[in-house]
């Protein structure tokens, strides 16, 4: 007898479905690419016989910070600029040829999160530059591969792993720059302009005549060789310097019967005088007058150092960077410390622009260094960030004050928003980026990531600095006298604002009047040579 199932629905009760666990959401990573993630899932390759071939090794991208140095000579700055030779352009190509950047990302820095800690201007060098990005660091030997694809004046020191969100520009707290200024540049009597040399003739403090500058093609009044004037006619006079150049002088009649000697160079070498305008006009009396001839004879004596009938040897200055000079120079540089409106110390930035306000942490010149027989003062400035030409203009005005050409009060006046001052700019050759600091980043990630600093590369960086940067600065001064020639342009004719601002003077129109009246070839040269970062 069959017994009926008292619970017939039990046989038909469906089994509970097994619940599948929720799939874990993939974490986005900035250190791997899509190709990296899909590589492990790809099937192994096989040949025609079915033999499995070993897969070609593939590597993951890593976010790293690269530490390197370079000598800026021959480059148009750090930042990449189409059509210009730049450090960044050469570095990107080296990264590609070294296997750190794939073919599809070549020339597209945004695709590998490229960032730089600092931009340097044309001709400016660096010892502690840092860039960041997502690169293939394997196989081992990336640093050697990079250096083999770069010129000797660019040296990669090493790299360190960083967080995925790291950015070399945004995470940089401070930047330290160094400017090497020759000690003679701080000497008030060395490489003075021609007006000062002429005015000092016969006085107790007669200025030193720069014979070496005349040999470089400068036409500094008071340092040229003997010039003979030949009055062949009333319309032409010829002035000859057999050792340097040939000048022709034409006489233009004026209403008051005076004449102007217009001097133009015929040598075609392009080395114009920073103290002279394109056409240097000097009002003189008629050459037939005895007094005028006497003036020209006295002028010739000054040219060859023959005063009072005696040929004077070249004087040598006894100036040295002693304790008194060090204290004064540091006092001048200390005016720059703090937050100020540096609109007068840059280009194309208006006083009303908030970016004109910058914070300088420290500025000092405590040490000197001798390179190839030239003694340099090491000026170190640390700040959050700097504008175009800012440091070179800070040095330029400080040197003018040390040479007693400008008052110290001019610095504070230059910080005023309604004051426009034409500030001299020191040559670029002596400036270099010394180090970039990442203090906040290092403090936050000290337990999980390496410290970002130049400590591990200090010895190698010092060797590169002495071999390439310091030697270039000294050799350039020996060969071309860049700083010496620049010093001759520090005069009131080129920079009338260096006299200081008188009480009641309109400061807003002062700079405009200067631009309209001044035709200095040195100013034009600086505007043509220096390019924006």
Protein backbone atom coordinates (compact mmCIF):
# COMPACT_ATOMS: atom_id res chain seq x y z
CA UNK A 1 0.00 0.00 0.00
CA UNK A 2 1.47 3.26 -1.04
CA UNK A 3 1.57 6.07 1.37
CA UNK A 4 0.90 9.46 -0.08
CA UNK A 5 3.32 12.21 0.61
CA UNK A 6 1.71 14.48 3.14
CA UNK A 7 3.64 17.42 1.76
CA UNK A 8 3.49 17.13 -1.98
CA UNK A 9 4.88 20.63 -2.50
CA UNK A 10 8.18 19.57 -0.94
CA UNK A 11 9.23 17.60 -4.02
CA UNK A 12 8.54 20.60 -6.18
CA UNK A 13 10.21 23.21 -3.92
CA UNK A 14 12.86 25.00 -5.99
CA UNK A 15 16.40 25.05 -4.68
CA UNK A 16 17.67 28.37 -3.45
CA UNK A 17 19.84 30.07 -5.97
CA UNK A 18 23.45 30.53 -4.99
CA UNK A 19 24.16 34.21 -4.58
CA UNK A 20 27.16 35.45 -6.52
CA UNK A 21 29.53 37.83 -4.68
CA UNK A 22 29.60 41.38 -5.98
CA UNK A 23 32.53 41.92 -8.28
CA UNK A 24 35.13 44.22 -6.73
CA UNK A 25 35.40 47.56 -8.43
CA UNK A 26 38.73 47.91 -10.12
CA UNK A 27 40.93 50.56 -8.61
CA UNK A 28 42.15 53.17 -11.01
CA UNK A 29 45.90 53.44 -11.14
CA UNK A 30 48.11 56.11 -12.61
CA UNK A 31 51.11 53.81 -12.74
CA UNK A 32 49.78 51.29 -15.26
CA UNK A 33 48.38 51.55 -18.74
CA UNK A 34 45.56 49.54 -20.34
CA UNK A 35 48.12 47.52 -22.23
CA UNK A 36 49.80 46.61 -18.96
CA UNK A 37 46.55 45.37 -17.38
CA UNK A 38 45.53 43.27 -20.40
CA UNK A 39 48.92 41.74 -20.92
CA UNK A 40 48.54 38.93 -18.35
CA UNK A 41 45.25 37.81 -20.01
CA UNK A 42 46.74 37.61 -23.48
CA UNK A 43 47.40 34.06 -24.77
CA UNK A 44 50.95 32.94 -25.33
CA UNK A 45 52.16 33.04 -28.92
CA UNK A 46 52.99 29.87 -30.83
CA UNK A 47 54.94 29.12 -33.98
CA UNK A 48 53.77 27.06 -37.01
CA UNK A 49 54.63 23.75 -35.30
CA UNK A 50 52.56 24.65 -32.29
CA UNK A 51 55.54 25.27 -30.05
CA UNK A 52 54.75 27.89 -27.48
CA UNK A 53 57.15 30.82 -27.73
CA UNK A 54 58.26 32.79 -24.67
CA UNK A 55 56.37 36.04 -24.42
CA UNK A 56 58.23 39.28 -24.88
CA UNK A 57 58.59 40.94 -21.48
CA UNK A 58 56.26 43.84 -20.88
CA UNK A 59 56.70 46.37 -18.11
CA UNK A 60 54.44 48.62 -16.12
CA UNK A 61 54.71 52.38 -16.10
CA UNK A 62 55.79 53.94 -12.86
CA UNK A 63 55.30 57.47 -11.58
CA UNK A 64 58.79 58.78 -10.87
CA UNK A 65 60.69 62.00 -10.24
CA UNK A 66 63.88 62.43 -12.29
CA UNK A 67 66.79 64.49 -10.90
CA UNK A 68 69.19 66.00 -13.43
CA UNK A 69 71.45 68.95 -14.26
CA UNK A 70 72.37 70.87 -17.38
CA UNK A 71 74.48 73.72 -18.68
CA UNK A 72 72.17 76.15 -20.47
CA UNK A 73 74.62 77.44 -23.06
CA UNK A 74 73.25 76.94 -26.57
CA UNK A 75 69.69 76.29 -25.37
CA UNK A 76 66.67 78.58 -25.51
CA UNK A 77 65.64 77.73 -21.96
CA UNK A 78 64.14 74.71 -20.22
CA UNK A 79 60.54 74.74 -21.45
CA UNK A 80 59.74 73.12 -24.77
CA UNK A 81 59.16 75.65 -27.53
CA UNK A 82 58.39 74.71 -31.16
CA UNK A 83 61.26 75.56 -33.44
CA UNK A 84 63.71 76.21 -30.60
CA UNK A 85 66.42 74.04 -29.08
CA UNK A 86 65.39 73.48 -25.47
CA UNK A 87 66.41 71.21 -22.60
CA UNK A 88 62.92 69.77 -22.37
CA UNK A 89 62.84 68.93 -26.05
CA UNK A 90 66.10 66.99 -25.86
CA UNK A 91 64.97 65.24 -22.67
CA UNK A 92 61.71 64.04 -24.21
CA UNK A 93 63.55 62.58 -27.17
CA UNK A 94 66.00 60.83 -24.85
CA UNK A 95 63.10 59.35 -22.87
CA UNK A 96 61.62 57.96 -26.07
CA UNK A 97 64.88 56.49 -27.40
CA UNK A 98 65.58 54.98 -23.97
CA UNK A 99 62.27 53.11 -23.95
CA UNK A 100 60.70 55.16 -21.15
CA UNK A 101 58.03 56.59 -23.46
CA UNK A 102 56.18 54.45 -26.07
CA UNK A 103 55.88 55.36 -29.73
CA UNK A 104 52.25 56.48 -29.47
CA UNK A 105 53.11 58.98 -26.72
CA UNK A 106 56.16 60.48 -28.39
CA UNK A 107 55.94 64.26 -28.40
CA UNK A 108 52.76 64.23 -26.28
CA UNK A 109 53.92 65.00 -22.72
CA UNK A 110 50.39 65.24 -21.35
CA UNK A 111 49.85 61.56 -22.05
CA UNK A 112 52.58 60.60 -19.59
CA UNK A 113 51.83 63.34 -17.01
CA UNK A 114 55.02 65.29 -17.64
CA UNK A 115 55.74 68.21 -15.27
CA UNK A 116 58.81 70.31 -14.44
CA UNK A 117 59.72 71.88 -11.10
CA UNK A 118 61.13 75.10 -12.55
CA UNK A 119 61.51 76.92 -15.85
CA UNK A 120 64.86 78.45 -16.65
CA UNK A 121 65.44 81.19 -19.18
CA UNK A 122 67.74 81.19 -22.20
CA UNK A 123 71.33 80.43 -21.24
CA UNK A 124 70.49 79.68 -17.59
CA UNK A 125 71.82 76.42 -16.13
CA UNK A 126 70.56 74.05 -13.43
CA UNK A 127 72.07 71.63 -10.94
CA UNK A 128 68.97 70.35 -9.13
CA UNK A 129 66.21 70.32 -11.74
CA UNK A 130 63.34 67.81 -11.26
CA UNK A 131 60.73 66.51 -13.69
CA UNK A 132 58.00 63.94 -13.08
CA UNK A 133 55.90 61.60 -15.21
CA UNK A 134 54.73 58.04 -15.88
CA UNK A 135 57.58 56.17 -17.52
CA UNK A 136 58.75 52.62 -18.19
CA UNK A 137 61.68 52.25 -15.79
CA UNK A 138 62.42 48.60 -16.66
CA UNK A 139 64.57 46.89 -17.72
CA UNK A 140 67.29 48.09 -15.32
CA UNK A 141 69.71 50.70 -16.61
CA UNK A 142 67.33 53.56 -17.46
CA UNK A 143 69.75 56.22 -16.21
CA UNK A 144 72.59 54.88 -18.34
CA UNK A 145 70.33 54.72 -21.39
CA UNK A 146 69.15 58.30 -20.86
CA UNK A 147 72.65 59.71 -20.49
CA UNK A 148 73.79 57.86 -23.61
CA UNK A 149 71.05 59.64 -25.58
CA UNK A 150 71.84 63.11 -24.20
CA UNK A 151 74.67 65.55 -24.80
CA UNK A 152 77.37 65.72 -22.10
CA UNK A 153 76.05 69.06 -20.86
CA UNK A 154 72.84 67.34 -19.68
CA UNK A 155 73.35 64.78 -16.92
CA UNK A 156 70.72 62.52 -15.37
CA UNK A 157 71.56 61.69 -11.74
CA UNK A 158 68.75 59.27 -10.88
CA UNK A 159 65.04 58.85 -10.21
CA UNK A 160 62.77 58.03 -7.28
CA UNK A 161 59.31 56.47 -7.09
CA UNK A 162 56.56 58.92 -6.09
CA UNK A 163 52.84 58.82 -5.44
CA UNK A 164 50.41 58.60 -8.32
CA UNK A 165 49.22 62.17 -7.80
CA UNK A 166 52.71 63.69 -7.60
CA UNK A 167 53.41 66.72 -9.78
CA UNK A 168 56.92 68.20 -9.86
CA UNK A 169 55.60 71.74 -10.28
CA UNK A 170 52.69 71.73 -7.82
CA UNK A 171 54.47 69.82 -5.06
CA UNK A 172 57.62 71.99 -5.13
CA UNK A 173 57.64 74.22 -2.03
CA UNK A 174 60.76 76.28 -2.63
CA UNK A 175 63.40 76.86 -5.24
CA UNK A 176 66.97 77.96 -4.67
CA UNK A 177 68.88 79.86 -7.32
CA UNK A 178 72.52 80.96 -7.28
CA UNK A 179 74.04 83.87 -9.16
CA UNK A 180 77.82 84.10 -9.47
CA UNK A 181 78.80 87.75 -9.75
CA UNK A 182 82.49 88.66 -10.17
CA UNK A 183 83.94 90.60 -7.26
CA UNK A 184 85.11 93.34 -9.61
CA UNK A 185 81.47 94.05 -10.49
CA UNK A 186 80.94 95.38 -6.95
CA UNK A 187 83.93 97.72 -7.23
CA UNK A 188 82.62 101.29 -7.81
CA UNK A 189 85.79 102.26 -9.72
CA UNK A 190 85.95 99.26 -12.06
CA UNK A 191 84.53 99.27 -15.62
CA UNK A 192 82.85 102.64 -15.29
CA UNK A 193 81.02 104.43 -18.07
CA UNK A 194 82.84 106.92 -20.23
CA UNK A 195 81.26 110.02 -18.70
CA UNK A 196 82.47 109.04 -15.24
CA UNK A 197 85.96 108.27 -16.53
CA UNK A 198 86.24 111.66 -18.22
CA UNK A 199 84.85 113.53 -15.22
CA UNK A 200 87.39 111.91 -12.89
CA UNK A 201 90.47 112.88 -14.93
CA UNK A 202 92.83 114.91 -12.79
CA UNK A 203 90.98 114.27 -9.55
CA UNK A 204 92.25 112.36 -6.53
CA UNK A 205 89.86 109.47 -7.28
CA UNK A 206 90.64 109.03 -10.96
CA UNK A 207 88.77 106.00 -12.30
CA UNK A 208 90.45 102.94 -13.80
CA UNK A 209 90.62 102.88 -17.59
CA UNK A 210 89.32 99.61 -19.10
CA UNK A 211 91.87 98.82 -21.77
CA UNK A 212 90.68 95.21 -21.94
CA UNK A 213 87.16 96.35 -22.87
CA UNK A 214 88.44 98.34 -25.84
CA UNK A 215 90.18 95.21 -27.11
CA UNK A 216 86.79 93.47 -27.19
CA UNK A 217 85.47 96.10 -29.59
CA UNK A 218 83.81 98.49 -27.14
CA UNK A 219 83.99 102.19 -27.81
CA UNK A 220 84.22 103.32 -24.22
CA UNK A 221 85.30 106.95 -24.02
CA UNK A 222 88.69 107.26 -22.33
CA UNK A 223 90.00 103.79 -23.20
CA UNK A 224 90.47 103.92 -26.97
CA UNK A 225 93.80 104.31 -28.65
CA UNK A 226 95.01 107.58 -30.13
CA UNK A 227 92.68 109.04 -32.71
CA UNK A 228 93.89 111.50 -35.34
CA UNK A 229 91.43 114.02 -36.73
CA UNK A 230 91.95 115.14 -40.30
CA UNK A 231 89.96 118.20 -41.36
CA UNK A 232 90.03 117.55 -45.09
CA UNK A 233 86.93 119.66 -45.67
CA UNK A 234 84.09 121.30 -43.84
CA UNK A 235 81.82 118.36 -44.61
CA UNK A 236 83.97 115.37 -43.57
CA UNK A 237 86.36 114.37 -40.82
CA UNK A 238 88.01 110.97 -40.43
CA UNK A 239 88.88 109.38 -37.08
CA UNK A 240 91.17 106.32 -37.20
CA UNK A 241 92.04 103.75 -34.58
CA UNK A 242 94.49 101.42 -36.27
CA UNK A 243 94.14 98.65 -33.67
CA UNK A 244 90.37 98.33 -33.41
CA UNK A 245 88.07 99.95 -35.92
CA UNK A 246 87.64 102.67 -38.50
CA UNK A 247 85.18 105.44 -37.71
CA UNK A 248 83.97 108.11 -40.09
CA UNK A 249 82.63 111.37 -38.74
CA UNK A 250 80.44 113.70 -40.73
CA UNK A 251 79.77 117.24 -39.57
CA UNK A 252 76.22 118.53 -39.60
CA UNK A 253 75.62 122.25 -39.55
CA UNK A 254 73.47 123.70 -36.76
CA UNK A 255 71.71 127.04 -36.57
CA UNK A 256 74.14 128.29 -33.91
CA UNK A 257 77.18 127.62 -36.14
CA UNK A 258 78.17 124.61 -34.00
CA UNK A 259 78.68 121.22 -35.53
CA UNK A 260 77.79 117.69 -34.45
CA UNK A 261 80.18 114.80 -35.00
CA UNK A 262 78.16 111.75 -36.04
CA UNK A 263 80.24 108.59 -35.61
CA UNK A 264 79.35 105.38 -37.40
CA UNK A 265 81.29 102.11 -37.34
CA UNK A 266 82.52 100.62 -40.62
CA UNK A 267 83.95 97.38 -39.35
CA UNK A 268 80.59 95.58 -39.60
CA UNK A 269 81.26 93.33 -36.62
CA UNK A 270 78.03 94.27 -34.88
CA UNK A 271 79.72 94.96 -31.56
CA UNK A 272 78.15 98.27 -30.74
CA UNK A 273 78.83 100.30 -27.63
CA UNK A 274 76.28 99.87 -24.89
CA UNK A 275 77.09 103.40 -23.76
CA UNK A 276 76.69 104.90 -27.24
CA UNK A 277 73.51 105.44 -29.19
CA UNK A 278 73.25 104.24 -32.74
CA UNK A 279 74.44 107.66 -33.76
CA UNK A 280 76.55 109.32 -31.10
CA UNK A 281 76.17 113.07 -31.38
CA UNK A 282 78.60 115.39 -29.64
CA UNK A 283 78.22 119.16 -30.11
CA UNK A 284 81.61 120.80 -30.73
CA UNK A 285 82.74 124.11 -32.07
CA UNK A 286 84.12 124.58 -35.56
CA UNK A 287 87.36 122.64 -35.98
CA UNK A 288 89.02 125.70 -37.32
CA UNK A 289 88.72 127.31 -33.90
CA UNK A 290 91.82 126.98 -31.73
CA UNK A 291 89.80 126.22 -28.61
CA UNK A 292 88.07 123.30 -30.28
CA UNK A 293 91.39 121.85 -31.37
CA UNK A 294 92.67 122.18 -27.84
CA UNK A 295 89.63 120.28 -26.55
CA UNK A 296 90.22 117.45 -29.01
CA UNK A 297 93.91 117.23 -28.06
CA UNK A 298 92.94 116.95 -24.40
CA UNK A 299 90.42 114.28 -25.36
CA UNK A 300 93.15 112.31 -27.14
CA UNK A 301 95.34 112.51 -24.06
CA UNK A 302 92.60 111.02 -21.99
CA UNK A 303 92.18 108.26 -24.55
CA UNK A 304 95.78 107.12 -24.26
CA UNK A 305 96.21 107.94 -20.57
CA UNK A 306 98.51 110.88 -21.36
CA UNK A 307 97.56 113.59 -18.87
CA UNK A 308 99.87 116.47 -17.86
CA UNK A 309 102.33 115.34 -20.50
CA UNK A 310 102.99 111.97 -18.85
CA UNK A 311 101.87 108.58 -20.10
CA UNK A 312 100.17 106.96 -17.12
CA UNK A 313 100.18 103.19 -16.74
CA UNK A 314 96.93 101.35 -16.23
CA UNK A 315 95.78 101.41 -12.62
CA UNK A 316 94.74 98.28 -10.82
CA UNK A 317 92.00 98.39 -8.21
CA UNK A 318 92.67 97.19 -4.68
CA UNK A 319 89.01 96.39 -4.06
CA UNK A 320 88.25 93.14 -2.21
CA UNK A 321 85.11 91.50 -0.88
CA UNK A 322 85.94 92.04 2.77
CA UNK A 323 83.76 92.06 5.85
CA UNK A 324 82.52 95.60 5.29
CA UNK A 325 81.58 94.95 1.67
CA UNK A 326 79.91 91.68 2.64
CA UNK A 327 77.76 93.36 5.29
CA UNK A 328 76.69 96.09 2.90
CA UNK A 329 75.84 93.72 0.05
CA UNK A 330 73.82 91.47 2.38
CA UNK A 331 71.98 94.49 3.73
CA UNK A 332 71.01 95.46 0.19
CA UNK A 333 69.86 91.93 -0.69
CA UNK A 334 67.83 91.71 2.52
CA UNK A 335 65.49 94.42 1.18
CA UNK A 336 64.15 91.80 -1.26
CA UNK A 337 63.12 89.32 1.44
CA UNK A 338 59.43 88.93 2.25
CA UNK A 339 56.33 89.44 0.14
CA UNK A 340 56.54 92.35 -2.30
CA UNK A 341 55.16 93.51 -5.61
CA UNK A 342 58.00 92.74 -8.03
CA UNK A 343 56.34 94.20 -11.14
CA UNK A 344 59.43 96.32 -11.83
CA UNK A 345 61.65 93.24 -11.74
CA UNK A 346 60.03 91.31 -14.58
CA UNK A 347 58.57 91.84 -18.04
CA UNK A 348 54.99 91.80 -19.32
CA UNK A 349 53.49 91.63 -15.81
CA UNK A 350 51.45 94.63 -14.71
CA UNK A 351 51.55 95.99 -11.20
CA UNK A 352 47.85 95.20 -10.73
CA UNK A 353 48.38 91.54 -11.60
CA UNK A 354 48.23 89.37 -8.44
CA UNK A 355 51.02 87.20 -9.84
CA UNK A 356 53.41 90.13 -9.46
CA UNK A 357 53.43 89.54 -5.71
CA UNK A 358 56.08 86.97 -4.79
CA UNK A 359 57.58 85.74 -1.53
CA UNK A 360 61.36 85.55 -1.10
CA UNK A 361 62.46 83.52 1.91
CA UNK A 362 66.15 84.47 2.02
CA UNK A 363 68.76 86.29 -0.06
CA UNK A 364 72.43 86.41 0.94
CA UNK A 365 75.96 86.61 -0.44
CA UNK A 366 78.20 85.20 2.27
CA UNK A 367 80.73 83.14 0.35
CA UNK A 368 83.18 83.62 -2.50
CA UNK A 369 84.70 81.13 -4.91
CA UNK A 370 87.69 81.38 -7.23
CA UNK A 371 87.23 79.86 -10.68
CA UNK A 372 90.01 80.06 -13.27
CA UNK A 373 91.55 83.09 -11.61
CA UNK A 374 88.32 85.07 -11.22
CA UNK A 375 86.85 85.57 -7.76
CA UNK A 376 83.06 85.32 -7.68
CA UNK A 377 80.54 86.18 -4.98
CA UNK A 378 77.95 83.44 -4.54
CA UNK A 379 74.51 85.04 -4.25
CA UNK A 380 71.89 82.54 -3.02
CA UNK A 381 68.19 83.31 -3.16
CA UNK A 382 65.39 81.02 -1.95
CA UNK A 383 61.77 81.70 -2.81
CA UNK A 384 58.49 80.00 -3.52
CA UNK A 385 58.60 80.89 -7.22
CA UNK A 386 60.13 83.47 -9.51
CA UNK A 387 59.00 85.41 -12.56
CA UNK A 388 60.71 85.90 -15.90
CA UNK A 389 64.06 87.74 -15.49
CA UNK A 390 63.22 88.48 -11.82
CA UNK A 391 66.46 87.24 -10.25
CA UNK A 392 68.64 88.86 -12.90
CA UNK A 393 66.95 92.20 -12.30
CA UNK A 394 67.26 91.81 -8.53
CA UNK A 395 70.99 91.31 -8.98
CA UNK A 396 71.21 94.15 -11.50
CA UNK A 397 69.78 96.76 -9.15
CA UNK A 398 71.79 95.46 -6.18
CA UNK A 399 75.03 95.77 -8.19
CA UNK A 400 74.10 99.31 -9.26
CA UNK A 401 73.64 100.25 -5.59
CA UNK A 402 76.94 98.65 -4.60
CA UNK A 403 78.65 100.70 -7.32
CA UNK A 404 77.09 103.89 -5.86
CA UNK A 405 75.05 104.51 -9.00
CA UNK A 406 71.67 104.16 -7.29
CA UNK A 407 70.47 104.77 -3.71
CA UNK A 408 69.28 101.93 -1.47
CA UNK A 409 65.90 103.64 -1.13
CA UNK A 410 65.22 102.85 -4.80
CA UNK A 411 64.48 99.21 -3.92
CA UNK A 412 61.58 100.07 -1.66
CA UNK A 413 60.32 102.58 -4.21
CA UNK A 414 60.37 99.88 -6.88
CA UNK A 415 57.92 97.80 -4.81
CA UNK A 416 55.28 100.53 -5.02
CA UNK A 417 52.41 99.70 -7.34
CA UNK A 418 52.23 103.18 -8.90
CA UNK A 419 55.99 103.42 -9.54
CA UNK A 420 57.48 102.33 -12.86
CA UNK A 421 61.27 102.01 -12.90
CA UNK A 422 63.59 100.75 -15.62
CA UNK A 423 65.69 98.24 -13.66
CA UNK A 424 68.98 96.96 -15.16
CA UNK A 425 69.19 93.23 -15.79
CA UNK A 426 72.37 91.25 -15.11
CA UNK A 427 73.64 88.81 -17.78
CA UNK A 428 72.15 85.32 -17.79
CA UNK A 429 75.46 83.45 -17.80
CA UNK A 430 76.00 83.63 -14.01
CA UNK A 431 72.58 82.27 -12.99
CA UNK A 432 71.71 78.64 -12.29
CA UNK A 433 68.99 76.67 -10.50
CA UNK A 434 70.63 75.04 -7.49
CA UNK A 435 67.89 72.88 -5.96
CA UNK A 436 64.14 72.30 -5.74
CA UNK A 437 62.59 71.45 -2.37
CA UNK A 438 59.60 69.21 -1.59
CA UNK A 439 59.30 69.65 2.19
CA UNK A 440 55.54 69.15 2.54
CA UNK A 441 55.55 66.07 0.32
CA UNK A 442 58.46 64.49 2.18
CA UNK A 443 56.78 65.09 5.53
CA UNK A 444 53.47 63.57 4.43
CA UNK A 445 54.86 60.47 2.71
CA UNK A 446 58.01 59.85 4.74
CA UNK A 447 56.77 56.42 5.94
CA UNK A 448 55.97 54.99 2.51
CA UNK A 449 58.11 56.78 -0.09
CA UNK A 450 61.68 57.91 -0.55
CA UNK A 451 62.68 61.44 0.36
CA UNK A 452 62.87 63.75 -2.63
CA UNK A 453 66.13 65.66 -2.33
CA UNK A 454 69.59 66.01 -3.87
CA UNK A 455 71.37 64.40 -0.91
CA UNK A 456 72.00 61.13 -2.73
CA UNK A 457 73.44 62.97 -5.75
CA UNK A 458 75.38 65.73 -3.97
CA UNK A 459 78.85 64.56 -4.97
CA UNK A 460 77.94 63.88 -8.58
CA UNK A 461 76.13 67.23 -8.83
CA UNK A 462 79.13 69.09 -7.44
CA UNK A 463 81.43 67.51 -10.02
CA UNK A 464 79.06 68.45 -12.85
CA UNK A 465 78.74 71.99 -11.54
CA UNK A 466 82.48 72.56 -11.42
CA UNK A 467 83.16 70.90 -14.79
CA UNK A 468 80.41 72.43 -16.88
CA UNK A 469 78.64 75.35 -15.18
CA UNK A 470 81.38 77.12 -13.22
CA UNK A 471 83.99 76.62 -15.92
CA UNK A 472 81.57 78.02 -18.52
CA UNK A 473 80.84 81.10 -16.42
CA UNK A 474 84.54 81.82 -15.89
CA UNK A 475 85.65 81.08 -19.46
CA UNK A 476 82.88 83.26 -20.86
CA UNK A 477 84.04 86.17 -18.72
CA UNK A 478 87.66 85.61 -19.75
CA UNK A 479 86.81 85.42 -23.43
CA UNK A 480 83.93 87.83 -23.91
CA UNK A 481 83.89 89.94 -20.73
CA UNK A 482 80.10 89.70 -20.54
CA UNK A 483 79.80 91.18 -17.06
CA UNK A 484 82.50 93.78 -17.71
CA UNK A 485 80.73 95.06 -20.81
CA UNK A 486 77.38 95.07 -18.99
CA UNK A 487 78.86 97.23 -16.23
CA UNK A 488 79.61 99.98 -18.74
CA UNK A 489 75.89 100.23 -19.50
CA UNK A 490 75.07 101.05 -15.85
CA UNK A 491 74.87 104.79 -16.33
CA UNK A 492 72.22 107.47 -16.12
CA UNK A 493 71.96 107.72 -19.88
CA UNK A 494 70.72 104.15 -20.18
CA UNK A 495 68.96 103.99 -16.81
CA UNK A 496 67.91 107.48 -15.80
CA UNK A 497 65.73 106.05 -13.00
CA UNK A 498 68.85 105.00 -11.09
CA UNK A 499 69.22 108.56 -9.87
CA UNK A 500 66.32 107.91 -7.51
CA UNK A 501 62.88 109.46 -7.24
CA UNK A 502 62.82 113.07 -6.13
CA UNK A 503 60.03 114.32 -3.91
CA UNK A 504 57.08 115.59 -5.89
CA UNK A 505 58.22 113.86 -9.07
CA UNK A 506 55.60 112.02 -11.09
CA UNK A 507 56.60 108.39 -10.82
CA UNK A 508 53.96 107.13 -13.25
CA UNK A 509 55.44 109.00 -16.22
CA UNK A 510 59.09 108.68 -15.28
CA UNK A 511 59.65 105.38 -17.07
CA UNK A 512 57.69 106.47 -20.16
CA UNK A 513 59.83 109.58 -20.55
CA UNK A 514 62.95 107.46 -20.32
CA UNK A 515 61.80 105.04 -23.02
CA UNK A 516 61.00 107.90 -25.38
CA UNK A 517 64.35 109.63 -24.89
CA UNK A 518 66.76 106.71 -24.53
CA UNK A 519 68.03 104.88 -27.59
CA UNK A 520 70.61 102.69 -25.88
CA UNK A 521 71.85 99.87 -28.06
CA UNK A 522 72.41 97.79 -24.92
CA UNK A 523 68.74 97.97 -23.99
CA UNK A 524 67.72 97.03 -27.52
CA UNK A 525 70.17 94.15 -27.48
CA UNK A 526 68.71 92.73 -24.26
CA UNK A 527 65.16 92.96 -25.61
CA UNK A 528 66.15 91.12 -28.77
CA UNK A 529 68.21 88.37 -27.17
CA UNK A 530 66.13 87.46 -24.11
CA UNK A 531 63.07 85.34 -24.84
CA UNK A 532 60.06 84.54 -22.72
CA UNK A 533 60.08 81.37 -20.69
